[in-house]
Protein backbone atom coordinates (compact mmCIF):
# COMPACT_ATOMS: atom_id res chain seq x y z
CA MET A 1 -25.78 21.67 18.94
CA TYR A 2 -28.91 21.25 21.06
CA GLY A 3 -32.63 21.14 20.40
CA LYS A 4 -34.81 19.62 17.72
CA PRO A 5 -33.97 19.22 14.04
CA GLY A 6 -34.74 22.47 12.28
CA ASP A 7 -34.31 24.47 15.48
CA LEU A 8 -30.79 23.66 16.70
CA LYS A 9 -28.95 26.02 19.03
CA GLU A 10 -25.26 26.16 19.88
CA LYS A 11 -24.55 25.71 23.58
CA ALA A 12 -21.83 24.22 25.76
CA ALA A 13 -19.05 22.40 23.86
CA THR A 14 -16.08 20.21 24.66
CA THR A 15 -12.63 20.81 23.19
CA ILE A 16 -10.29 17.88 22.69
CA SER A 17 -6.63 18.23 21.71
CA ILE A 18 -5.19 15.40 19.63
CA GLU A 19 -1.45 14.97 19.10
CA THR A 20 -0.69 13.21 15.81
CA GLU A 21 2.47 11.42 14.76
CA PRO A 22 5.23 13.58 13.24
CA LEU A 23 5.88 12.89 9.56
CA THR A 24 9.65 13.29 9.68
CA GLY A 25 12.52 13.31 12.14
CA GLN A 26 11.89 9.81 13.49
CA LYS A 27 13.61 6.51 12.84
CA HIS A 28 10.57 5.54 10.76
CA GLU A 29 8.84 8.09 8.53
CA VAL A 30 5.67 6.71 6.96
CA HIS A 31 3.98 8.49 4.05
CA PHE A 32 0.62 7.38 2.65
CA ASN A 33 -1.32 8.97 -0.16
CA ARG A 34 -5.09 9.24 0.13
CA GLY A 35 -5.75 6.23 -2.08
CA ALA A 36 -9.16 7.78 -2.54
CA ILE A 37 -9.65 9.24 -5.97
CA ALA A 38 -12.90 7.25 -5.74
CA SER A 39 -14.30 9.41 -2.97
CA GLN A 40 -17.09 11.85 -2.32
CA ALA A 41 -14.49 14.24 -0.91
CA PHE A 42 -12.74 14.46 -4.29
CA VAL A 43 -15.88 14.77 -6.39
CA ARG A 44 -17.33 17.51 -4.17
CA ARG A 45 -14.06 19.37 -3.66
CA PHE A 46 -13.41 19.48 -7.41
CA SER A 47 -16.97 19.82 -8.72
CA GLY A 48 -17.28 16.42 -10.35
CA ARG A 49 -14.28 16.83 -12.64
CA GLU A 50 -11.75 14.13 -13.55
CA LEU A 51 -8.18 14.50 -12.25
CA ASN A 52 -6.77 15.60 -15.62
CA GLN A 53 -9.29 18.46 -15.59
CA VAL A 54 -8.47 19.51 -12.01
CA GLY A 55 -4.68 19.63 -12.36
CA ALA A 56 -2.30 20.72 -9.61
CA PRO A 57 -4.82 21.06 -6.72
CA GLY A 58 -6.04 17.52 -7.42
CA TYR A 59 -2.52 16.09 -7.45
CA ALA A 60 -1.71 17.82 -4.19
CA TRP A 61 -4.86 16.59 -2.46
CA LEU A 62 -4.59 12.99 -3.66
CA GLY A 63 -0.82 12.79 -3.18
CA ARG A 64 -1.29 13.83 0.46
CA ASP A 65 1.92 13.03 2.38
CA LEU A 66 3.32 10.57 -0.16
CA LEU A 67 4.14 12.86 -3.08
CA PRO A 68 5.72 15.70 -1.06
CA GLY A 69 7.47 13.13 1.12
CA LEU A 70 9.11 11.52 -1.92
CA LEU A 71 10.17 14.87 -3.37
CA GLU A 72 11.57 15.96 0.00
CA TYR A 73 13.50 12.72 0.36
CA ILE A 74 15.13 13.08 -3.06
CA GLY A 75 15.91 16.69 -2.14
CA ARG A 76 17.94 15.55 0.85
CA ALA A 77 20.76 15.00 -1.64
CA LYS A 78 21.46 18.71 -1.39
CA ASP A 79 25.10 18.95 -2.47
CA ASN A 80 28.07 16.94 -3.74
CA ARG A 81 28.54 15.20 -0.40
CA TYR A 82 25.37 13.22 -1.05
CA GLY A 83 24.34 10.39 -3.34
CA LEU A 84 21.16 8.52 -4.29
CA ARG A 85 20.97 4.89 -5.33
CA ALA A 86 17.47 4.11 -6.60
CA ALA A 87 15.75 1.06 -8.09
CA TYR A 88 12.37 1.41 -9.82
CA PHE A 89 10.07 -0.91 -11.70
CA GLU A 90 7.86 1.75 -13.26
CA MET A 91 8.69 5.35 -14.17
CA SER A 92 6.61 7.70 -16.31
CA ARG A 93 6.27 11.33 -17.32
CA PRO A 94 2.66 12.24 -18.11
CA LYS A 95 2.75 14.04 -21.45
CA GLY A 96 1.22 17.48 -21.91
CA ASP A 97 0.51 17.95 -18.22
CA GLU A 98 2.42 20.93 -16.84
CA ALA A 99 0.65 20.63 -13.48
CA TRP A 100 2.17 17.21 -12.76
CA PRO A 101 5.00 17.45 -10.19
CA ASP A 102 7.60 15.40 -12.05
CA VAL A 103 9.49 13.10 -9.68
CA LEU A 104 12.11 12.26 -12.30
CA ASP A 105 12.90 15.98 -12.58
CA ALA A 106 13.67 15.91 -8.85
CA PHE A 107 16.33 13.27 -9.51
CA LYS A 108 17.72 15.37 -12.37
CA LYS A 109 17.83 18.45 -10.13
CA ALA A 110 19.66 16.55 -7.38
CA ALA A 111 22.29 15.53 -9.95
CA SER A 112 22.62 18.71 -12.03
CA ASP A 113 21.82 21.55 -9.63
CA ASN A 114 22.95 19.99 -6.36
CA GLN A 115 25.83 17.99 -7.86
CA ALA A 116 24.79 14.86 -5.99
CA ASP A 117 25.87 11.42 -7.23
CA VAL A 118 22.63 9.92 -8.58
CA LYS A 119 22.12 6.48 -10.13
CA ILE A 120 18.79 4.73 -10.89
CA ILE A 121 18.44 1.05 -11.78
CA PHE A 122 15.25 0.52 -13.78
CA HIS A 123 13.25 -2.32 -15.30
CA ALA A 124 14.45 -2.29 -18.91
CA LYS A 125 13.08 -5.50 -20.45
CA ASP A 126 11.50 -5.26 -23.88
CA ASP A 127 7.93 -5.06 -22.59
CA ASP A 128 5.34 -2.33 -22.05
CA THR A 129 6.80 -1.21 -18.72
CA GLY A 130 10.38 -1.28 -19.97
CA ASN A 131 9.51 0.67 -23.11
CA ARG A 132 7.65 3.34 -21.13
CA ASN A 133 10.62 3.59 -18.79
CA GLU A 134 12.96 4.15 -21.74
CA GLU A 135 10.78 7.05 -22.89
CA ALA A 136 10.59 8.50 -19.38
CA ILE A 137 14.36 8.70 -18.85
CA ASP A 138 14.94 10.72 -22.02
CA GLY A 139 17.26 13.54 -20.99
CA MET A 140 18.66 11.70 -17.96
CA LYS A 141 20.02 8.45 -19.41
CA SER A 142 23.46 9.10 -17.96
CA LEU A 143 21.92 8.66 -14.49
CA CYS A 144 20.24 5.35 -15.29
CA VAL A 145 21.28 1.69 -15.23
CA LYS A 146 19.33 -0.89 -17.23
CA ARG A 147 18.12 -4.08 -15.57
CA LYS A 148 17.16 -6.61 -18.23
CA ASN A 149 18.05 -10.01 -16.81
CA ALA A 150 15.50 -10.09 -13.99
CA LYS A 151 12.07 -11.58 -14.60
CA LEU A 152 10.74 -8.31 -13.15
CA MET A 153 12.90 -5.63 -11.53
CA HIS A 154 9.97 -4.85 -9.26
CA ASN A 155 11.72 -2.78 -6.57
CA LYS A 156 10.79 0.78 -5.57
CA PHE A 157 13.50 2.08 -3.21
CA ILE A 158 16.10 4.82 -2.80
CA VAL A 159 19.22 4.73 -0.63
CA LEU A 160 20.55 8.08 0.57
CA LEU A 161 24.33 8.34 0.97
CA LYS A 162 26.38 11.01 2.69
CA ASP A 163 30.14 11.05 2.16
CA ASP A 164 29.77 7.71 0.33
CA LYS A 165 28.14 6.05 3.34
CA PRO A 166 24.48 4.92 3.43
CA VAL A 167 22.42 6.77 6.02
CA SER A 168 18.76 5.97 5.23
CA VAL A 169 16.44 4.24 2.76
CA TRP A 170 13.07 5.03 1.19
CA LEU A 171 11.13 1.83 0.43
CA GLY A 172 7.61 0.57 -0.09
CA SER A 173 5.03 0.03 -2.82
CA THR A 174 5.19 3.30 -4.76
CA ASN A 175 6.22 3.42 -8.40
CA ILE A 176 6.92 6.74 -10.13
CA SER A 177 3.63 7.26 -11.94
CA LYS A 178 0.46 9.30 -11.68
CA ASN A 179 -1.57 6.26 -10.68
CA ALA A 180 0.95 5.21 -8.01
CA LEU A 181 1.14 8.63 -6.38
CA CYS A 182 -2.41 9.91 -6.84
CA GLY A 183 -4.67 6.96 -7.66
CA GLN A 184 -4.17 3.58 -6.02
CA LEU A 185 -3.31 3.33 -2.30
CA ASN A 186 0.47 3.37 -1.77
CA VAL A 187 3.04 3.94 0.95
CA GLY A 188 6.57 5.31 1.09
CA HIS A 189 8.46 4.26 4.22
CA VAL A 190 11.73 5.94 5.25
CA ILE A 191 14.01 4.09 7.65
CA ASN A 192 16.71 6.34 9.08
CA ASP A 193 18.99 3.51 10.10
CA LYS A 194 22.52 3.05 8.75
CA LYS A 195 22.53 -0.74 9.09
CA THR A 196 19.30 -1.12 7.13
CA ALA A 197 20.46 1.41 4.52
CA ALA A 198 23.74 -0.49 4.13
CA ALA A 199 21.84 -3.73 3.48
CA PHE A 200 19.81 -2.05 0.73
CA LEU A 201 22.96 -0.53 -0.77
CA GLY A 202 24.58 -3.97 -0.88
CA TYR A 203 21.54 -5.30 -2.73
CA TRP A 204 21.61 -2.33 -5.15
CA ASN A 205 25.28 -2.92 -5.87
CA GLU A 206 24.53 -6.57 -6.64
CA MET A 207 21.82 -5.59 -9.13
CA LYS A 208 23.76 -2.87 -10.95
CA SER A 209 25.74 -5.29 -13.14
CA ASP A 210 22.44 -6.83 -14.36
CA PRO A 211 23.14 -10.39 -13.15
CA VAL A 212 20.91 -13.33 -14.03
CA PRO A 213 18.41 -14.44 -11.34
CA ASP A 214 20.51 -17.41 -10.17
CA ALA A 215 23.42 -15.08 -9.42
CA ILE A 216 21.17 -12.89 -7.25
CA LYS A 217 19.85 -16.02 -5.53
CA ASP A 218 23.39 -17.16 -4.75
CA TRP A 219 24.18 -13.71 -3.35
CA ALA A 220 21.00 -13.76 -1.24
CA ALA A 221 21.90 -17.18 0.15
CA MET A 222 25.18 -15.71 1.42
CA GLU A 223 24.24 -12.12 2.32
CA ASN A 224 20.50 -12.30 3.05
CA ASP A 225 19.97 -15.80 4.40
CA MET A 226 16.29 -16.15 5.31
CA PRO A 227 14.39 -16.93 7.45
CA PRO A 228 16.50 -15.50 10.28
CA ALA A 229 17.61 -17.73 13.11
CA ASP A 230 15.37 -15.85 15.55
CA ASP A 231 13.17 -12.76 15.78
CA SER A 232 15.52 -10.67 17.94
CA ASP A 233 16.29 -8.04 15.28
CA GLU A 234 14.11 -4.96 15.26
CA ILE A 235 14.37 -4.64 11.47
CA THR A 236 14.98 -7.50 9.03
CA PRO A 237 15.36 -6.60 5.32
CA VAL A 238 14.45 -9.34 2.86
CA PHE A 239 15.70 -9.22 -0.74
CA SER A 240 14.56 -11.37 -3.67
CA PRO A 241 14.93 -13.57 -5.55
CA HIS A 242 15.85 -16.46 -3.25
CA HIS A 243 16.34 -20.13 -4.03
CA GLY A 244 13.23 -22.21 -3.33
CA ARG A 245 10.14 -21.18 -1.40
CA GLU A 246 11.39 -21.17 2.18
CA VAL A 247 10.99 -17.38 2.48
CA PHE A 248 7.46 -17.58 1.06
CA ASP A 249 6.50 -20.26 3.58
CA TRP A 250 8.00 -18.10 6.35
CA TRP A 251 5.68 -15.25 5.37
CA ILE A 252 2.71 -17.60 5.48
CA LYS A 253 3.81 -18.86 8.89
CA MET A 254 3.98 -15.29 10.25
CA ALA A 255 0.52 -14.56 8.87
CA ASN A 256 -0.79 -17.80 10.41
CA SER A 257 0.61 -17.08 13.88
CA GLY A 258 -2.74 -17.32 15.65
CA LYS A 259 -2.81 -13.55 16.24
CA PRO A 260 -5.05 -10.88 14.66
CA LEU A 261 -4.01 -10.22 11.07
CA PHE A 262 -4.49 -7.32 8.64
CA MET A 263 -3.17 -7.59 5.07
CA THR A 264 -3.45 -5.82 1.73
CA PHE A 265 -3.49 -7.81 -1.53
CA PRO A 266 -3.13 -5.89 -4.81
CA PHE A 267 -3.38 -9.00 -7.01
CA GLY A 268 -5.73 -11.13 -4.99
CA ILE A 269 -5.11 -13.82 -2.40
CA VAL A 270 -2.95 -16.52 -3.95
CA THR A 271 -3.76 -20.18 -3.30
CA ASP A 272 -1.03 -20.67 -0.68
CA PHE A 273 -2.27 -17.77 1.46
CA ARG A 274 -5.96 -18.74 1.44
CA PRO A 275 -5.74 -21.32 4.27
CA VAL A 276 -4.65 -18.46 6.56
CA PHE A 277 -8.12 -16.94 6.14
CA ASP A 278 -9.99 -20.23 5.90
CA GLN A 279 -10.32 -20.56 9.68
CA ASN A 280 -13.46 -19.97 11.70
CA ASP A 281 -11.61 -19.80 15.01
CA GLY A 282 -12.58 -16.44 16.53
CA ILE A 283 -9.25 -14.77 15.63
CA LEU A 284 -9.79 -11.53 13.74
CA ARG A 285 -8.33 -11.53 10.23
CA PHE A 286 -8.90 -8.68 7.78
CA ALA A 287 -7.91 -8.47 4.12
CA MET A 288 -8.17 -5.48 1.81
CA LEU A 289 -8.06 -6.43 -1.85
CA ASP A 290 -7.91 -4.69 -5.20
CA LYS A 291 -9.33 -7.87 -6.73
CA TYR A 292 -10.04 -11.43 -5.60
CA VAL A 293 -7.67 -13.18 -7.97
CA ASN A 294 -5.26 -12.33 -10.78
CA GLY A 295 -4.65 -14.30 -13.97
CA GLY A 296 -5.65 -17.85 -14.77
CA THR A 297 -8.57 -19.12 -16.83
CA LYS A 298 -12.15 -17.91 -16.50
CA ALA A 299 -13.04 -21.15 -14.73
CA SER A 300 -10.12 -20.94 -12.28
CA ARG A 301 -10.93 -17.32 -11.47
CA ALA A 302 -14.54 -18.22 -10.82
CA ALA A 303 -13.49 -21.09 -8.53
CA ALA A 304 -11.06 -18.89 -6.61
CA THR A 305 -13.70 -16.17 -6.21
CA ALA A 306 -16.19 -18.68 -4.85
CA GLU A 307 -13.59 -20.01 -2.41
CA ILE A 308 -12.76 -16.55 -1.07
CA GLU A 309 -16.45 -15.60 -0.92
CA ARG A 310 -17.03 -18.66 1.26
CA MET A 311 -14.19 -17.74 3.64
CA ARG A 312 -15.30 -14.17 4.13
CA ARG A 313 -18.63 -15.32 5.54
CA PHE A 314 -16.86 -16.52 8.70
CA PRO A 315 -17.59 -14.10 11.58
CA ASN A 316 -13.88 -13.55 12.28
CA ILE A 317 -12.98 -12.73 8.65
CA GLY A 318 -13.35 -9.21 7.29
CA MET A 319 -12.73 -8.39 3.63
CA SER A 320 -13.04 -5.27 1.53
CA LEU A 321 -12.83 -5.16 -2.26
CA GLY A 322 -11.91 -1.94 -4.05
CA SER A 323 -14.67 -0.16 -5.96
CA ARG A 324 -16.25 3.27 -6.55
CA ILE A 325 -19.67 4.91 -6.43
CA PHE A 326 -20.99 5.32 -9.97
CA VAL A 327 -24.62 6.14 -9.19
CA ASP A 328 -25.94 9.40 -7.76
CA TRP A 329 -29.07 8.28 -5.94
CA ILE A 330 -27.62 7.23 -2.56
CA ASP A 331 -28.39 9.91 0.01
CA GLY A 332 -27.33 12.67 -2.37
CA TRP A 333 -24.00 11.06 -3.24
CA MET A 334 -22.35 11.96 -6.52
CA LYS A 335 -20.73 9.76 -9.17
CA GLU A 336 -17.03 9.39 -8.40
CA PRO A 337 -14.11 9.85 -10.82
CA SER A 338 -12.68 7.01 -12.89
CA ALA A 339 -9.69 4.98 -11.77
CA LEU A 340 -6.30 6.05 -13.08
CA GLY A 341 -4.81 2.63 -13.64
CA VAL A 342 -5.30 -0.58 -15.56
CA HIS A 343 -3.89 -3.54 -13.61
CA VAL A 344 -4.41 -2.12 -10.11
CA ASN A 345 -7.04 0.55 -9.57
CA TRP A 346 -7.54 0.97 -5.84
CA VAL A 347 -5.13 -0.88 -3.52
CA HIS A 348 -1.44 -1.33 -4.45
CA THR A 349 0.16 -1.58 -0.99
CA LYS A 350 1.70 -4.87 0.09
CA PHE A 351 1.80 -4.92 3.87
CA MET A 352 1.01 -7.33 6.66
CA LEU A 353 0.19 -6.36 10.23
CA VAL A 354 0.33 -9.07 12.89
CA ASP A 355 -1.44 -8.05 16.11
CA PRO A 356 -1.03 -4.31 15.38
CA LEU A 357 -2.80 -3.26 18.59
CA GLY A 358 -0.76 -5.61 20.76
CA THR A 359 2.36 -4.90 22.78
CA LYS A 360 4.62 -6.65 20.25
CA PRO A 361 3.19 -5.88 16.82
CA MET A 362 4.88 -6.93 13.62
CA THR A 363 4.77 -4.91 10.39
CA LEU A 364 5.88 -6.28 7.02
CA THR A 365 6.02 -3.80 4.14
CA GLY A 366 7.72 -3.47 0.76
CA SER A 367 7.27 -4.26 -2.93
CA ALA A 368 6.52 -8.00 -2.78
CA ASN A 369 2.96 -9.08 -3.69
CA TRP A 370 2.65 -12.09 -1.32
CA SER A 371 3.27 -14.52 -4.18
CA LEU A 372 5.87 -17.21 -4.79
CA SER A 373 7.18 -15.25 -7.79
CA SER A 374 7.90 -12.28 -5.54
CA VAL A 375 10.25 -14.55 -3.56
CA SER A 376 11.79 -16.85 -6.13
CA ALA A 377 11.72 -14.93 -9.44
CA ASN A 378 11.47 -11.13 -9.20
CA ASP A 379 13.79 -8.47 -7.82
CA GLU A 380 11.84 -7.41 -4.70
CA HIS A 381 12.31 -6.01 -1.23
CA LEU A 382 10.45 -6.29 2.06
CA VAL A 383 11.24 -5.35 5.65
CA VAL A 384 10.02 -7.00 8.82
CA ILE A 385 9.64 -4.47 11.67
CA ARG A 386 9.14 -5.96 15.12
CA GLY A 387 7.78 -4.38 18.27
CA ASP A 388 7.42 -0.82 16.93
CA GLN A 389 3.97 0.29 18.09
CA ARG A 390 4.23 3.69 16.39
CA VAL A 391 4.79 2.11 12.97
CA ALA A 392 2.00 -0.44 13.52
CA ASP A 393 -0.38 2.32 14.67
CA ILE A 394 0.18 4.36 11.51
CA TYR A 395 -0.27 1.41 9.17
CA PHE A 396 -3.29 0.14 11.09
CA GLY A 397 -4.99 3.55 11.03
CA GLU A 398 -4.50 3.79 7.28
CA PHE A 399 -5.69 0.22 6.77
CA MET A 400 -8.96 0.79 8.61
CA ARG A 401 -9.52 4.15 6.87
CA VAL A 402 -9.36 2.64 3.39
CA PHE A 403 -10.97 -0.65 4.43
CA ALA A 404 -14.13 1.15 5.55
CA HIS A 405 -13.98 3.40 2.48
CA HIS A 406 -14.13 0.50 0.03
CA ARG A 407 -16.29 -1.81 2.14
CA PHE A 408 -19.22 0.56 1.66
CA ARG A 409 -18.51 0.97 -2.05
CA GLU A 410 -18.37 -2.79 -2.42
CA SER A 411 -21.81 -3.09 -0.80
CA VAL A 412 -23.20 -0.59 -3.32
CA LYS A 413 -21.62 -2.52 -6.20
CA ARG A 414 -23.11 -5.78 -4.96
CA TYR A 415 -26.52 -4.13 -4.79
CA ILE A 416 -26.20 -2.81 -8.36
CA ASP A 417 -24.96 -6.18 -9.64
CA ARG A 418 -28.09 -7.73 -8.17
CA PHE A 419 -30.78 -5.16 -8.92
CA GLY A 420 -29.31 -2.89 -11.61
CA ALA A 421 -27.94 0.65 -11.58
CA ASN A 422 -31.40 2.22 -11.78
CA ALA A 423 -33.10 0.12 -9.11
CA PHE A 424 -32.81 2.79 -6.44
CA ASP A 425 -36.36 2.09 -5.17
CA LYS A 426 -35.10 -1.10 -3.48
CA TRP A 427 -32.26 0.68 -1.63
CA LYS A 428 -33.04 0.61 2.08
CA PRO A 429 -30.41 2.35 4.21
CA GLN A 430 -30.07 1.08 7.76
CA ASP A 431 -30.74 4.21 9.76
CA LEU A 432 -29.24 4.72 13.22
CA PHE A 433 -31.36 3.63 16.18
CA GLU A 434 -31.94 6.12 18.97
CA ASP A 435 -32.71 3.26 21.36
CA TRP A 436 -29.38 1.61 22.29
CA LYS A 437 -31.19 -1.64 23.10
CA LYS A 438 -31.80 -2.12 19.38
CA TRP A 439 -28.13 -2.16 18.42
CA VAL A 440 -25.79 -2.59 21.40
CA PRO A 441 -26.63 -6.22 22.37
CA ALA A 442 -25.50 -7.53 18.97
CA HIS A 443 -21.95 -6.43 19.84
CA PHE A 444 -21.93 -8.72 22.89
CA LYS A 445 -23.23 -11.90 21.28
CA PRO A 446 -20.37 -14.39 21.85
CA GLY A 447 -18.67 -15.50 18.66
CA SER A 448 -20.42 -12.98 16.43
CA GLU A 449 -18.57 -10.76 13.97
CA LYS A 450 -19.38 -7.64 15.98
CA ASP A 451 -18.31 -9.25 19.25
CA ILE A 452 -14.98 -10.45 17.81
CA LYS A 453 -14.20 -6.98 16.40
CA ARG A 454 -15.31 -5.19 19.59
CA ARG A 455 -13.13 -7.31 21.83
CA TYR A 456 -10.00 -6.70 19.75
CA PHE A 457 -10.53 -3.01 19.03
CA ALA A 458 -11.50 -2.33 22.65
CA ASP A 459 -8.58 -4.40 23.97
CA GLU A 460 -10.66 -6.80 26.05
């Protein structure tokens, strides 16, 4: 478009073809949902309604690739030559909602219609999650195996078998719930690799008899000894619980490698991980958080928040805290829908990217929340993927998408916390400068936040 505002005319254009990554058919298939129920796109697309008022179109839009990807993966068990071995922490069936695409029904169909051999281990302790799970499996209890002796059976994975042999595994952060699939940010990661699938099947078989944690730890010491002797393997599965904290310290060491770092934290940055970000050394480190800290006393939470607030002021540290727009006076923006969850509203992924734009990136992804409990107490999984630039690219793109999304919302929340929800007269948007001399030089000031980001993103 050419000309002056109010009198624009269409003239010469440039067409650019962009080839995106295929969703399926690769060794790694990565499925993200939008993680953006708090978005202007949702509120405008669905006329300001909440998700339960929108129904099926809302589920489809928010579920993006994740929901159909999960249903398609379960559907790969298409006849009696196939089997599924799943392990899930949280499963639910939203009541009175016919528009909800029921994932548990997909498991039932694989077993009853397709005659596949289906078994699901689930968290069955006498707590809120376990009791909801018991309600959810009504009508399919013959397919399910109770796990009571773990502190938390926190896994979310499925092994696909063909002719009794493992061929692939679905893993990641996604529970079977409306919030997991359509609310908070989540990922489902398929690895079409028989060796990796066999490792997950061995872990599943160890859990199915509901052993006590020490028995799992003894098994892990023999069958999943970590850390590995070297980093030569392309894929390293890690299963919890383990004895001690050696695995946890290994994760911290990888994060603190002196290379650019991008991590998501659903339950805040635990004390042991904070020194990784408490470094003003010019190395770019980004963190995307659902909250600063989880649990503890009011005083301890306040102290932890202050500590993290101090770190994020370093020019090399970027942080984004989940939030939503709940005022309608910002450049015509509309109030965004409510969160779907309780404990985690916006960011539920648990992944670490070490130098994702480099030639030898490292991607860590799974169910573990970067805490000592996720190593030494809970049933958890995580995979370390080395040198796969395609995988790192996909995760990095999704990280930056949601990071920017919530970074702006966090700035609005901070403004409201300071001035009040009705103090729109003090809002001063920073308009774009037509004169490049007013904004470009700041990106070349040595040691500045903009300079550090520019050099990494531009590969200087």
